[in-house]
PDB file of N, CA and C in Angstrom:
ATOM      1  N   MET A   1     187.785 -73.768   8.013  1.00  0.00           N
ATOM      2  CA  MET A   1     187.677 -73.925   9.445  1.00  0.00           C
ATOM      3  C   MET A   1     186.234 -74.166   9.878  1.00  0.00           C
ATOM      4  N   GLU A   2     185.273 -73.463   9.240  1.00  0.00           N
ATOM      5  CA  GLU A   2     183.881 -73.643   9.604  1.00  0.00           C
ATOM      6  C   GLU A   2     183.437 -75.083   9.402  1.00  0.00           C
ATOM      7  N   ASN A   3     183.894 -75.716   8.298  1.00  0.00           N
ATOM      8  CA  ASN A   3     183.515 -77.101   8.031  1.00  0.00           C
ATOM      9  C   ASN A   3     183.981 -78.010   9.147  1.00  0.00           C
ATOM     10  N   LEU A   4     185.187 -77.771   9.607  1.00  0.00           N
ATOM     11  CA  LEU A   4     185.724 -78.597  10.673  1.00  0.00           C
ATOM     12  C   LEU A   4     184.936 -78.410  11.956  1.00  0.00           C
ATOM     13  N   LEU A   5     184.495 -77.180  12.239  1.00  0.00           N
ATOM     14  CA  LEU A   5     183.706 -76.944  13.443  1.00  0.00           C
ATOM     15  C   LEU A   5     182.386 -77.686  13.384  1.00  0.00           C
ATOM     16  N   GLY A   6     181.702 -77.621  12.247  1.00  0.00           N
ATOM     17  CA  GLY A   6     180.438 -78.327  12.103  1.00  0.00           C
ATOM     18  C   GLY A   6     180.626 -79.825  12.222  1.00  0.00           C
ATOM     19  N   THR A   7     181.638 -80.354  11.563  1.00  0.00           N
ATOM     20  CA  THR A   7     181.947 -81.778  11.634  1.00  0.00           C
ATOM     21  C   THR A   7     182.332 -82.158  13.050  1.00  0.00           C
ATOM     22  N   HIS A   8     183.119 -81.315  13.681  1.00  0.00           N
ATOM     23  CA  HIS A   8     183.558 -81.570  15.044  1.00  0.00           C
ATOM     24  C   HIS A   8     182.352 -81.632  15.983  1.00  0.00           C
ATOM     25  N   ASN A   9     181.387 -80.724  15.818  1.00  0.00           N
ATOM     26  CA  ASN A   9     180.206 -80.720  16.678  1.00  0.00           C
ATOM     27  C   ASN A   9     179.384 -81.988  16.502  1.00  0.00           C
ATOM     28  N   ALA A  10     179.214 -82.452  15.255  1.00  0.00           N
ATOM     29  CA  ALA A  10     178.469 -83.689  15.013  1.00  0.00           C
ATOM     30  C   ALA A  10     179.207 -84.866  15.643  1.00  0.00           C
ATOM     31  N   TYR A  11     180.526 -84.870  15.527  1.00  0.00           N
ATOM     32  CA  TYR A  11     181.328 -85.926  16.110  1.00  0.00           C
ATOM     33  C   TYR A  11     181.175 -85.922  17.631  1.00  0.00           C
ATOM     34  N   LEU A  12     181.173 -84.737  18.236  1.00  0.00           N
ATOM     35  CA  LEU A  12     181.008 -84.644  19.683  1.00  0.00           C
ATOM     36  C   LEU A  12     179.642 -85.140  20.125  1.00  0.00           C
ATOM     37  N   ALA A  13     178.613 -84.918  19.318  1.00  0.00           N
ATOM     38  CA  ALA A  13     177.277 -85.393  19.665  1.00  0.00           C
ATOM     39  C   ALA A  13     177.265 -86.914  19.751  1.00  0.00           C
ATOM     40  N   ILE A  14     177.905 -87.584  18.836  1.00  0.00           N
ATOM     41  CA  ILE A  14     177.968 -89.045  18.871  1.00  0.00           C
ATOM     42  C   ILE A  14     178.862 -89.505  20.017  1.00  0.00           C
ATOM     43  N   ARG A  15     179.949 -88.795  20.252  1.00  0.00           N
ATOM     44  CA  ARG A  15     180.861 -89.184  21.329  1.00  0.00           C
ATOM     45  C   ARG A  15     180.235 -89.008  22.702  1.00  0.00           C
ATOM     46  N   SER A  16     179.190 -88.198  22.822  1.00  0.00           N
ATOM     47  CA  SER A  16     178.566 -87.961  24.121  1.00  0.00           C
ATOM     48  C   SER A  16     177.751 -89.164  24.593  1.00  0.00           C
ATOM     49  N   ASP A  17     177.516 -90.115  23.736  1.00  0.00           N
ATOM     50  CA  ASP A  17     176.754 -91.312  24.083  1.00  0.00           C
ATOM     51  C   ASP A  17     177.604 -92.526  23.743  1.00  0.00           C
ATOM     52  N   ASP A  18     178.015 -93.272  24.769  1.00  0.00           N
ATOM     53  CA  ASP A  18     178.895 -94.424  24.564  1.00  0.00           C
ATOM     54  C   ASP A  18     178.306 -95.443  23.603  1.00  0.00           C
ATOM     55  N   GLN A  19     177.007 -95.685  23.695  1.00  0.00           N
ATOM     56  CA  GLN A  19     176.389 -96.669  22.813  1.00  0.00           C
ATOM     57  C   GLN A  19     176.431 -96.209  21.361  1.00  0.00           C
ATOM     58  N   LEU A  20     176.152 -94.936  21.122  1.00  0.00           N
ATOM     59  CA  LEU A  20     176.235 -94.419  19.748  1.00  0.00           C
ATOM     60  C   LEU A  20     177.668 -94.467  19.235  1.00  0.00           C
ATOM     61  N   GLU A  21     178.591 -94.079  20.078  1.00  0.00           N
ATOM     62  CA  GLU A  21     179.989 -94.060  19.657  1.00  0.00           C
ATOM     63  C   GLU A  21     180.479 -95.454  19.273  1.00  0.00           C
ATOM     64  N   ASN A  22     180.000 -96.477  19.953  1.00  0.00           N
ATOM     65  CA  ASN A  22     180.403 -97.842  19.644  1.00  0.00           C
ATOM     66  C   ASN A  22     179.728 -98.390  18.389  1.00  0.00           C
ATOM     67  N   ARG A  23     178.601 -97.822  17.992  1.00  0.00           N
ATOM     68  CA  ARG A  23     177.850 -98.329  16.842  1.00  0.00           C
ATOM     69  C   ARG A  23     178.243 -97.690  15.522  1.00  0.00           C
ATOM     70  N   PHE A  24     178.790 -96.478  15.573  1.00  0.00           N
ATOM     71  CA  PHE A  24     179.042 -95.742  14.347  1.00  0.00           C
ATOM     72  C   PHE A  24     180.505 -95.332  14.228  1.00  0.00           C
ATOM     73  N   GLU A  25     181.007 -95.474  13.027  1.00  0.00           N
ATOM     74  CA  GLU A  25     182.356 -95.004  12.736  1.00  0.00           C
ATOM     75  C   GLU A  25     182.241 -93.589  12.167  1.00  0.00           C
ATOM     76  N   PRO A  26     182.983 -92.632  12.729  1.00  0.00           N
ATOM     77  CA  PRO A  26     182.884 -91.255  12.215  1.00  0.00           C
ATOM     78  C   PRO A  26     183.317 -91.172  10.754  1.00  0.00           C
ATOM     79  N   MET A  27     182.608 -90.328  10.023  1.00  0.00           N
ATOM     80  CA  MET A  27     182.905 -90.157   8.610  1.00  0.00           C
ATOM     81  C   MET A  27     182.662 -88.693   8.249  1.00  0.00           C
ATOM     82  N   VAL A  28     183.583 -88.092   7.562  1.00  0.00           N
ATOM     83  CA  VAL A  28     183.421 -86.714   7.122  1.00  0.00           C
ATOM     84  C   VAL A  28     182.791 -86.720   5.736  1.00  0.00           C
ATOM     85  N   LEU A  29     181.665 -86.033   5.603  1.00  0.00           N
ATOM     86  CA  LEU A  29     180.993 -85.933   4.316  1.00  0.00           C
ATOM     87  C   LEU A  29     181.447 -84.659   3.616  1.00  0.00           C
ATOM     88  N   PRO A  30     181.689 -84.740   2.328  1.00  0.00           N
ATOM     89  CA  PRO A  30     182.115 -83.533   1.612  1.00  0.00           C
ATOM     90  C   PRO A  30     180.956 -82.555   1.468  1.00  0.00           C
ATOM     91  N   LEU A  31     181.297 -81.280   1.380  1.00  0.00           N
ATOM     92  CA  LEU A  31     180.287 -80.264   1.131  1.00  0.00           C
ATOM     93  C   LEU A  31     179.857 -80.338  -0.322  1.00  0.00           C
ATOM     94  N   TRP A  32     178.621 -79.930  -0.600  1.00  0.00           N
ATOM     95  CA  TRP A  32     178.128 -79.901  -1.968  1.00  0.00           C
ATOM     96  C   TRP A  32     178.877 -78.848  -2.761  1.00  0.00           C
ATOM     97  N   GLN A  33     179.049 -79.111  -4.043  1.00  0.00           N
ATOM     98  CA  GLN A  33     179.685 -78.181  -4.973  1.00  0.00           C
ATOM     99  C   GLN A  33     178.718 -77.933  -6.128  1.00  0.00           C
ATOM    100  N   VAL A  34     178.831 -76.771  -6.747  1.00  0.00           N
ATOM    101  CA  VAL A  34     177.985 -76.480  -7.902  1.00  0.00           C
ATOM    102  C   VAL A  34     178.337 -77.445  -9.026  1.00  0.00           C
ATOM    103  N   GLY A  35     177.342 -78.083  -9.577  1.00  0.00           N
ATOM    104  CA  GLY A  35     177.531 -79.040 -10.662  1.00  0.00           C
ATOM    105  C   GLY A  35     176.220 -79.754 -10.946  1.00  0.00           C
ATOM    106  N   GLU A  36     176.292 -80.758 -11.805  1.00  0.00           N
ATOM    107  CA  GLU A  36     175.085 -81.504 -12.200  1.00  0.00           C
ATOM    108  C   GLU A  36     174.372 -82.141 -11.019  1.00  0.00           C
ATOM    109  N   ASP A  37     175.137 -82.739 -10.107  1.00  0.00           N
ATOM    110  CA  ASP A  37     174.513 -83.413  -8.960  1.00  0.00           C
ATOM    111  C   ASP A  37     173.721 -82.429  -8.104  1.00  0.00           C
ATOM    112  N   LEU A  38     174.307 -81.273  -7.832  1.00  0.00           N
ATOM    113  CA  LEU A  38     173.605 -80.279  -7.026  1.00  0.00           C
ATOM    114  C   LEU A  38     172.378 -79.755  -7.760  1.00  0.00           C
ATOM    115  N   CYS A  39     172.503 -79.463  -9.029  1.00  0.00           N
ATOM    116  CA  CYS A  39     171.353 -78.963  -9.797  1.00  0.00           C
ATOM    117  C   CYS A  39     170.230 -79.993  -9.817  1.00  0.00           C
ATOM    118  N   SER A  40     170.575 -81.267  -9.909  1.00  0.00           N
ATOM    119  CA  SER A  40     169.580 -82.334  -9.865  1.00  0.00           C
ATOM    120  C   SER A  40     168.911 -82.391  -8.490  1.00  0.00           C
ATOM    121  N   LEU A  41     169.702 -82.254  -7.439  1.00  0.00           N
ATOM    122  CA  LEU A  41     169.160 -82.232  -6.082  1.00  0.00           C
ATOM    123  C   LEU A  41     168.196 -81.059  -5.916  1.00  0.00           C
ATOM    124  N   LEU A  42     168.583 -79.892  -6.387  1.00  0.00           N
ATOM    125  CA  LEU A  42     167.726 -78.709  -6.269  1.00  0.00           C
ATOM    126  C   LEU A  42     166.433 -78.885  -7.051  1.00  0.00           C
ATOM    127  N   ALA A  43     166.502 -79.497  -8.229  1.00  0.00           N
ATOM    128  CA  ALA A  43     165.294 -79.771  -9.012  1.00  0.00           C
ATOM    129  C   ALA A  43     164.372 -80.716  -8.246  1.00  0.00           C
ATOM    130  N   SER A  44     164.950 -81.688  -7.546  1.00  0.00           N
ATOM    131  CA  SER A  44     164.150 -82.614  -6.731  1.00  0.00           C
ATOM    132  C   SER A  44     163.459 -81.884  -5.590  1.00  0.00           C
ATOM    133  N   PHE A  45     164.193 -80.983  -4.943  1.00  0.00           N
ATOM    134  CA  PHE A  45     163.577 -80.179  -3.885  1.00  0.00           C
ATOM    135  C   PHE A  45     162.415 -79.377  -4.457  1.00  0.00           C
ATOM    136  N   ALA A  46     162.645 -78.706  -5.580  1.00  0.00           N
ATOM    137  CA  ALA A  46     161.610 -77.869  -6.189  1.00  0.00           C
ATOM    138  C   ALA A  46     160.359 -78.686  -6.509  1.00  0.00           C
ATOM    139  N   ALA A  47     160.548 -79.887  -6.999  1.00  0.00           N
ATOM    140  CA  ALA A  47     159.415 -80.750  -7.348  1.00  0.00           C
ATOM    141  C   ALA A  47     158.680 -81.255  -6.108  1.00  0.00           C
ATOM    142  N   ALA A  48     159.372 -81.364  -4.996  1.00  0.00           N
ATOM    143  CA  ALA A  48     158.775 -81.926  -3.786  1.00  0.00           C
ATOM    144  C   ALA A  48     157.878 -80.940  -3.037  1.00  0.00           C
ATOM    145  N   PHE A  49     158.132 -79.644  -3.191  1.00  0.00           N
ATOM    146  CA  PHE A  49     157.327 -78.659  -2.476  1.00  0.00           C
ATOM    147  C   PHE A  49     155.986 -78.463  -3.195  1.00  0.00           C
ATOM    148  N   PRO A  50     154.883 -78.489  -2.449  1.00  0.00           N
ATOM    149  CA  PRO A  50     153.550 -78.351  -3.066  1.00  0.00           C
ATOM    150  C   PRO A  50     153.186 -76.885  -3.330  1.00  0.00           C
ATOM    151  N   LEU A  51     153.970 -76.224  -4.149  1.00  0.00           N
ATOM    152  CA  LEU A  51     153.713 -74.821  -4.483  1.00  0.00           C
ATOM    153  C   LEU A  51     152.974 -74.748  -5.813  1.00  0.00           C
ATOM    154  N   GLN A  52     152.214 -73.684  -6.007  1.00  0.00           N
ATOM    155  CA  GLN A  52     151.406 -73.570  -7.228  1.00  0.00           C
ATOM    156  C   GLN A  52     152.236 -73.187  -8.449  1.00  0.00           C
ATOM    157  N   ARG A  53     153.374 -72.552  -8.240  1.00  0.00           N
ATOM    158  CA  ARG A  53     154.229 -72.165  -9.360  1.00  0.00           C
ATOM    159  C   ARG A  53     155.542 -72.943  -9.288  1.00  0.00           C
ATOM    160  N   ARG A  54     156.144 -73.121 -10.435  1.00  0.00           N
ATOM    161  CA  ARG A  54     157.422 -73.849 -10.523  1.00  0.00           C
ATOM    162  C   ARG A  54     158.560 -72.982  -9.963  1.00  0.00           C
ATOM    163  N   SER A  55     159.333 -73.555  -9.059  1.00  0.00           N
ATOM    164  CA  SER A  55     160.482 -72.861  -8.476  1.00  0.00           C
ATOM    165  C   SER A  55     161.714 -73.147  -9.323  1.00  0.00           C
ATOM    166  N   LEU A  56     162.291 -72.119  -9.894  1.00  0.00           N
ATOM    167  CA  LEU A  56     163.459 -72.274 -10.764  1.00  0.00           C
ATOM    168  C   LEU A  56     164.731 -72.107  -9.936  1.00  0.00           C
ATOM    169  N   ILE A  57     165.035 -73.143  -9.161  1.00  0.00           N
ATOM    170  CA  ILE A  57     166.178 -73.047  -8.243  1.00  0.00           C
ATOM    171  C   ILE A  57     167.347 -73.933  -8.658  1.00  0.00           C
ATOM    172  N   SER A  58     167.251 -74.598  -9.799  1.00  0.00           N
ATOM    173  CA  SER A  58     168.308 -75.546 -10.175  1.00  0.00           C
ATOM    174  C   SER A  58     169.320 -74.977 -11.164  1.00  0.00           C
ATOM    175  N   SER A  59     169.309 -73.668 -11.378  1.00  0.00           N
ATOM    176  CA  SER A  59     170.317 -73.069 -12.265  1.00  0.00           C
ATOM    177  C   SER A  59     171.651 -72.955 -11.523  1.00  0.00           C
ATOM    178  N   PRO A  60     172.765 -72.927 -12.242  1.00  0.00           N
ATOM    179  CA  PRO A  60     174.065 -72.778 -11.577  1.00  0.00           C
ATOM    180  C   PRO A  60     174.169 -71.510 -10.725  1.00  0.00           C
ATOM    181  N   ASP A  61     173.602 -70.396 -11.177  1.00  0.00           N
ATOM    182  CA  ASP A  61     173.657 -69.163 -10.383  1.00  0.00           C
ATOM    183  C   ASP A  61     172.888 -69.311  -9.078  1.00  0.00           C
ATOM    184  N   MET A  62     171.688 -69.879  -9.157  1.00  0.00           N
ATOM    185  CA  MET A  62     170.901 -70.081  -7.943  1.00  0.00           C
ATOM    186  C   MET A  62     171.577 -71.114  -7.036  1.00  0.00           C
ATOM    187  N   ALA A  63     172.177 -72.132  -7.627  1.00  0.00           N
ATOM    188  CA  ALA A  63     172.890 -73.147  -6.843  1.00  0.00           C
ATOM    189  C   ALA A  63     174.030 -72.505  -6.052  1.00  0.00           C
ATOM    190  N   ARG A  64     174.781 -71.608  -6.689  1.00  0.00           N
ATOM    191  CA  ARG A  64     175.872 -70.909  -5.987  1.00  0.00           C
ATOM    192  C   ARG A  64     175.331 -70.089  -4.823  1.00  0.00           C
ATOM    193  N   TYR A  65     174.249 -69.371  -5.071  1.00  0.00           N
ATOM    194  CA  TYR A  65     173.625 -68.561  -4.020  1.00  0.00           C
ATOM    195  C   TYR A  65     173.180 -69.448  -2.849  1.00  0.00           C
ATOM    196  N   LEU A  66     172.488 -70.538  -3.164  1.00  0.00           N
ATOM    197  CA  LEU A  66     171.985 -71.433  -2.124  1.00  0.00           C
ATOM    198  C   LEU A  66     173.112 -72.091  -1.345  1.00  0.00           C
ATOM    199  N   LEU A  67     174.179 -72.468  -2.034  1.00  0.00           N
ATOM    200  CA  LEU A  67     175.327 -73.059  -1.339  1.00  0.00           C
ATOM    201  C   LEU A  67     175.978 -72.058  -0.404  1.00  0.00           C
ATOM    202  N   THR A  68     176.079 -70.834  -0.840  1.00  0.00           N
ATOM    203  CA  THR A  68     176.676 -69.804   0.010  1.00  0.00           C
ATOM    204  C   THR A  68     175.855 -69.618   1.281  1.00  0.00           C
ATOM    205  N   ARG A  69     174.541 -69.509   1.136  1.00  0.00           N
ATOM    206  CA  ARG A  69     173.683 -69.305   2.310  1.00  0.00           C
ATOM    207  C   ARG A  69     173.640 -70.517   3.218  1.00  0.00           C
ATOM    208  N   SER A  70     173.650 -71.716   2.645  1.00  0.00           N
ATOM    209  CA  SER A  70     173.514 -72.934   3.448  1.00  0.00           C
ATOM    210  C   SER A  70     174.860 -73.491   3.903  1.00  0.00           C
ATOM    211  N   GLU A  71     175.934 -72.910   3.409  1.00  0.00           N
ATOM    212  CA  GLU A  71     177.304 -73.336   3.732  1.00  0.00           C
ATOM    213  C   GLU A  71     177.600 -74.754   3.262  1.00  0.00           C
ATOM    214  N   GLY A  72     176.852 -75.206   2.255  1.00  0.00           N
ATOM    215  CA  GLY A  72     177.215 -76.424   1.545  1.00  0.00           C
ATOM    216  C   GLY A  72     176.739 -77.745   2.088  1.00  0.00           C
ATOM    217  N   THR A  73     175.939 -77.753   3.148  1.00  0.00           N
ATOM    218  CA  THR A  73     175.472 -79.038   3.671  1.00  0.00           C
ATOM    219  C   THR A  73     174.022 -79.279   3.276  1.00  0.00           C
ATOM    220  N   ILE A  74     173.666 -80.533   3.079  1.00  0.00           N
ATOM    221  CA  ILE A  74     172.317 -80.866   2.630  1.00  0.00           C
ATOM    222  C   ILE A  74     171.266 -80.531   3.688  1.00  0.00           C
ATOM    223  N   GLY A  75     171.600 -80.715   4.948  1.00  0.00           N
ATOM    224  CA  GLY A  75     170.646 -80.394   6.009  1.00  0.00           C
ATOM    225  C   GLY A  75     170.318 -78.914   6.042  1.00  0.00           C
ATOM    226  N   GLU A  76     171.328 -78.081   5.896  1.00  0.00           N
ATOM    227  CA  GLU A  76     171.108 -76.634   5.879  1.00  0.00           C
ATOM    228  C   GLU A  76     170.374 -76.209   4.617  1.00  0.00           C
ATOM    229  N   LEU A  77     170.701 -76.845   3.517  1.00  0.00           N
ATOM    230  CA  LEU A  77     170.018 -76.552   2.255  1.00  0.00           C
ATOM    231  C   LEU A  77     168.527 -76.869   2.387  1.00  0.00           C
ATOM    232  N   ALA A  78     168.205 -78.003   2.969  1.00  0.00           N
ATOM    233  CA  ALA A  78     166.810 -78.387   3.184  1.00  0.00           C
ATOM    234  C   ALA A  78     166.113 -77.404   4.115  1.00  0.00           C
ATOM    235  N   ARG A  79     166.797 -77.002   5.139  1.00  0.00           N
ATOM    236  CA  ARG A  79     166.236 -76.044   6.095  1.00  0.00           C
ATOM    237  C   ARG A  79     165.932 -74.701   5.423  1.00  0.00           C
ATOM    238  N   LEU A  80     166.884 -74.204   4.632  1.00  0.00           N
ATOM    239  CA  LEU A  80     166.710 -72.946   3.918  1.00  0.00           C
ATOM    240  C   LEU A  80     165.551 -73.026   2.930  1.00  0.00           C
ATOM    241  N   LEU A  81     165.524 -74.083   2.120  1.00  0.00           N
ATOM    242  CA  LEU A  81     164.481 -74.221   1.112  1.00  0.00           C
ATOM    243  C   LEU A  81     163.104 -74.418   1.741  1.00  0.00           C
ATOM    244  N   THR A  82     163.027 -75.126   2.837  1.00  0.00           N
ATOM    245  CA  THR A  82     161.754 -75.297   3.531  1.00  0.00           C
ATOM    246  C   THR A  82     161.251 -73.959   4.059  1.00  0.00           C
ATOM    247  N   SER A  83     162.145 -73.179   4.634  1.00  0.00           N
ATOM    248  CA  SER A  83     161.767 -71.844   5.122  1.00  0.00           C
ATOM    249  C   SER A  83     161.319 -70.949   3.971  1.00  0.00           C
ATOM    250  N   ALA A  84     161.999 -71.051   2.840  1.00  0.00           N
ATOM    251  CA  ALA A  84     161.624 -70.258   1.663  1.00  0.00           C
ATOM    252  C   ALA A  84     160.270 -70.711   1.113  1.00  0.00           C
ATOM    253  N   ALA A  85     159.994 -72.002   1.151  1.00  0.00           N
ATOM    254  CA  ALA A  85     158.697 -72.507   0.687  1.00  0.00           C
ATOM    255  C   ALA A  85     157.572 -71.991   1.582  1.00  0.00           C
ATOM    256  N   ILE A  86     157.816 -71.942   2.868  1.00  0.00           N
ATOM    257  CA  ILE A  86     156.818 -71.396   3.799  1.00  0.00           C
ATOM    258  C   ILE A  86     156.591 -69.920   3.492  1.00  0.00           C
ATOM    259  N   ALA A  87     157.674 -69.182   3.288  1.00  0.00           N
ATOM    260  CA  ALA A  87     157.554 -67.755   2.933  1.00  0.00           C
ATOM    261  C   ALA A  87     156.800 -67.588   1.617  1.00  0.00           C
ATOM    262  N   ALA A  88     157.017 -68.504   0.685  1.00  0.00           N
ATOM    263  CA  ALA A  88     156.341 -68.435  -0.611  1.00  0.00           C
ATOM    264  C   ALA A  88     154.830 -68.592  -0.458  1.00  0.00           C
ATOM    265  N   VAL A  89     154.416 -69.509   0.389  1.00  0.00           N
ATOM    266  CA  VAL A  89     152.981 -69.717   0.622  1.00  0.00           C
ATOM    267  C   VAL A  89     152.397 -68.524   1.379  1.00  0.00           C
ATOM    268  N   GLU A  90     153.071 -68.116   2.452  1.00  0.00           N
ATOM    269  CA  GLU A  90     152.549 -67.023   3.281  1.00  0.00           C
ATOM    270  C   GLU A  90     152.459 -65.704   2.514  1.00  0.00           C
ATOM    271  N   SER A  91     153.375 -65.481   1.585  1.00  0.00           N
ATOM    272  CA  SER A  91     153.394 -64.225   0.830  1.00  0.00           C
ATOM    273  C   SER A  91     152.485 -64.258  -0.394  1.00  0.00           C
ATOM    274  N   GLY A  92     152.047 -65.449  -0.778  1.00  0.00           N
ATOM    275  CA  GLY A  92     151.244 -65.586  -1.983  1.00  0.00           C
ATOM    276  C   GLY A  92     152.078 -65.734  -3.253  1.00  0.00           C
ATOM    277  N   GLU A  93     153.408 -65.714  -3.126  1.00  0.00           N
ATOM    278  CA  GLU A  93     154.285 -65.883  -4.296  1.00  0.00           C
ATOM    279  C   GLU A  93     154.128 -67.271  -4.901  1.00  0.00           C
ATOM    280  N   GLU A  94     153.982 -68.286  -4.036  1.00  0.00           N
ATOM    281  CA  GLU A  94     153.783 -69.676  -4.472  1.00  0.00           C
ATOM    282  C   GLU A  94     154.928 -70.238  -5.296  1.00  0.00           C
ATOM    283  N   GLU A  95     156.123 -69.705  -5.116  1.00  0.00           N
ATOM    284  CA  GLU A  95     157.333 -70.272  -5.722  1.00  0.00           C
ATOM    285  C   GLU A  95     158.533 -69.812  -4.903  1.00  0.00           C
ATOM    286  N   ILE A  96     159.581 -70.616  -4.934  1.00  0.00           N
ATOM    287  CA  ILE A  96     160.822 -70.211  -4.288  1.00  0.00           C
ATOM    288  C   ILE A  96     161.589 -69.387  -5.313  1.00  0.00           C
ATOM    289  N   ASN A  97     161.903 -68.167  -4.925  1.00  0.00           N
ATOM    290  CA  ASN A  97     162.653 -67.261  -5.793  1.00  0.00           C
ATOM    291  C   ASN A  97     163.514 -66.361  -4.906  1.00  0.00           C
ATOM    292  N   VAL A  98     164.146 -65.381  -5.492  1.00  0.00           N
ATOM    293  CA  VAL A  98     165.041 -64.504  -4.728  1.00  0.00           C
ATOM    294  C   VAL A  98     164.276 -63.803  -3.606  1.00  0.00           C
ATOM    295  N   ARG A  99     163.058 -63.353  -3.876  1.00  0.00           N
ATOM    296  CA  ARG A  99     162.270 -62.655  -2.846  1.00  0.00           C
ATOM    297  C   ARG A  99     161.911 -63.583  -1.691  1.00  0.00           C
ATOM    298  N   THR A 100     161.430 -64.776  -2.006  1.00  0.00           N
ATOM    299  CA  THR A 100     161.013 -65.670  -0.927  1.00  0.00           C
ATOM    300  C   THR A 100     162.223 -66.199  -0.150  1.00  0.00           C
ATOM    301  N   LEU A 101     163.353 -66.332  -0.818  1.00  0.00           N
ATOM    302  CA  LEU A 101     164.572 -66.707  -0.094  1.00  0.00           C
ATOM    303  C   LEU A 101     164.996 -65.598   0.863  1.00  0.00           C
ATOM    304  N   ALA A 102     164.812 -64.338   0.452  1.00  0.00           N
ATOM    305  CA  ALA A 102     165.144 -63.210   1.326  1.00  0.00           C
ATOM    306  C   ALA A 102     164.169 -63.133   2.506  1.00  0.00           C
ATOM    307  N   MET A 103     162.914 -63.519   2.285  1.00  0.00           N
ATOM    308  CA  MET A 103     161.899 -63.493   3.344  1.00  0.00           C
ATOM    309  C   MET A 103     162.009 -64.686   4.296  1.00  0.00           C
ATOM    310  N   ALA A 104     162.708 -65.720   3.886  1.00  0.00           N
ATOM    311  CA  ALA A 104     162.782 -66.957   4.676  1.00  0.00           C
ATOM    312  C   ALA A 104     163.352 -66.690   6.056  1.00  0.00           C
ATOM    313  N   GLU A 105     162.733 -67.299   7.045  1.00  0.00           N
ATOM    314  CA  GLU A 105     163.255 -67.220   8.411  1.00  0.00           C
ATOM    315  C   GLU A 105     164.361 -68.261   8.541  1.00  0.00           C
ATOM    316  N   TYR A 106     165.551 -67.860   8.161  1.00  0.00           N
ATOM    317  CA  TYR A 106     166.682 -68.789   8.132  1.00  0.00           C
ATOM    318  C   TYR A 106     167.953 -68.040   8.481  1.00  0.00           C
ATOM    319  N   GLU A 107     168.716 -68.622   9.378  1.00  0.00           N
ATOM    320  CA  GLU A 107     170.067 -68.162   9.682  1.00  0.00           C
ATOM    321  C   GLU A 107     170.985 -69.349   9.449  1.00  0.00           C
ATOM    322  N   GLY A 108     172.063 -69.124   8.731  1.00  0.00           N
ATOM    323  CA  GLY A 108     173.024 -70.186   8.467  1.00  0.00           C
ATOM    324  C   GLY A 108     173.788 -70.577   9.719  1.00  0.00           C
ATOM    325  N   PRO A 109     174.551 -71.653   9.639  1.00  0.00           N
ATOM    326  CA  PRO A 109     175.291 -72.150  10.801  1.00  0.00           C
ATOM    327  C   PRO A 109     176.232 -71.119  11.417  1.00  0.00           C
ATOM    328  N   THR A 110     176.922 -70.360  10.591  1.00  0.00           N
ATOM    329  CA  THR A 110     177.865 -69.373  11.123  1.00  0.00           C
ATOM    330  C   THR A 110     177.128 -68.308  11.918  1.00  0.00           C
ATOM    331  N   GLU A 111     176.024 -67.824  11.389  1.00  0.00           N
ATOM    332  CA  GLU A 111     175.232 -66.809  12.084  1.00  0.00           C
ATOM    333  C   GLU A 111     174.644 -67.364  13.383  1.00  0.00           C
ATOM    334  N   ARG A 112     174.127 -68.582  13.350  1.00  0.00           N
ATOM    335  CA  ARG A 112     173.585 -69.186  14.578  1.00  0.00           C
ATOM    336  C   ARG A 112     174.676 -69.348  15.628  1.00  0.00           C
ATOM    337  N   ARG A 113     175.876 -69.720  15.199  1.00  0.00           N
ATOM    338  CA  ARG A 113     176.997 -69.877  16.131  1.00  0.00           C
ATOM    339  C   ARG A 113     177.361 -68.530  16.733  1.00  0.00           C
ATOM    340  N   ARG A 114     177.373 -67.461  15.921  1.00  0.00           N
ATOM    341  CA  ARG A 114     177.669 -66.121  16.442  1.00  0.00           C
ATOM    342  C   ARG A 114     176.652 -65.692  17.491  1.00  0.00           C
ATOM    343  N   VAL A 115     175.381 -65.913  17.213  1.00  0.00           N
ATOM    344  CA  VAL A 115     174.317 -65.553  18.154  1.00  0.00           C
ATOM    345  C   VAL A 115     174.488 -66.343  19.447  1.00  0.00           C
ATOM    346  N   PHE A 116     174.748 -67.628  19.312  1.00  0.00           N
ATOM    347  CA  PHE A 116     174.937 -68.483  20.486  1.00  0.00           C
ATOM    348  C   PHE A 116     176.115 -67.996  21.335  1.00  0.00           C
ATOM    349  N   GLU A 117     177.237 -67.734  20.684  1.00  0.00           N
ATOM    350  CA  GLU A 117     178.436 -67.302  21.414  1.00  0.00           C
ATOM    351  C   GLU A 117     178.239 -65.925  22.033  1.00  0.00           C
ATOM    352  N   ARG A 118     177.500 -65.051  21.356  1.00  0.00           N
ATOM    353  CA  ARG A 118     177.231 -63.717  21.881  1.00  0.00           C
ATOM    354  C   ARG A 118     176.359 -63.804  23.140  1.00  0.00           C
ATOM    355  N   ASP A 119     175.439 -64.761  23.151  1.00  0.00           N
ATOM    356  CA  ASP A 119     174.522 -64.902  24.270  1.00  0.00           C
ATOM    357  C   ASP A 119     175.118 -65.647  25.462  1.00  0.00           C
ATOM    358  N   LEU A 120     176.303 -66.180  25.319  1.00  0.00           N
ATOM    359  CA  LEU A 120     176.920 -66.923  26.429  1.00  0.00           C
ATOM    360  C   LEU A 120     177.247 -66.042  27.606  1.00  0.00           C
TER     361      LEU A 120
END
């Protein structure tokens, strides 16, 4: 159900503008799954961050953890990892690991939706 809500919200954003709606055909993208493609993506993220230590985030266990926190979308995954990289620099850890992921200023989509609905 959460996937449909996120997809539905993106669809509504495009539908709110007639010009955008006429230019783009809606398409549902699948969520990431643990596997070679995801591990390769995570290795690319790790290589892209200018940290002094190597971030070992491309293992299947770490991939499962990251998917759970990010709810499987690439945008959320990027947001989480960027926040963790900032925490890594600020803390002096200089790598993305379990500690820096815990320190990251990141709330997943479900949590942000709960906060939003609570504040209504």
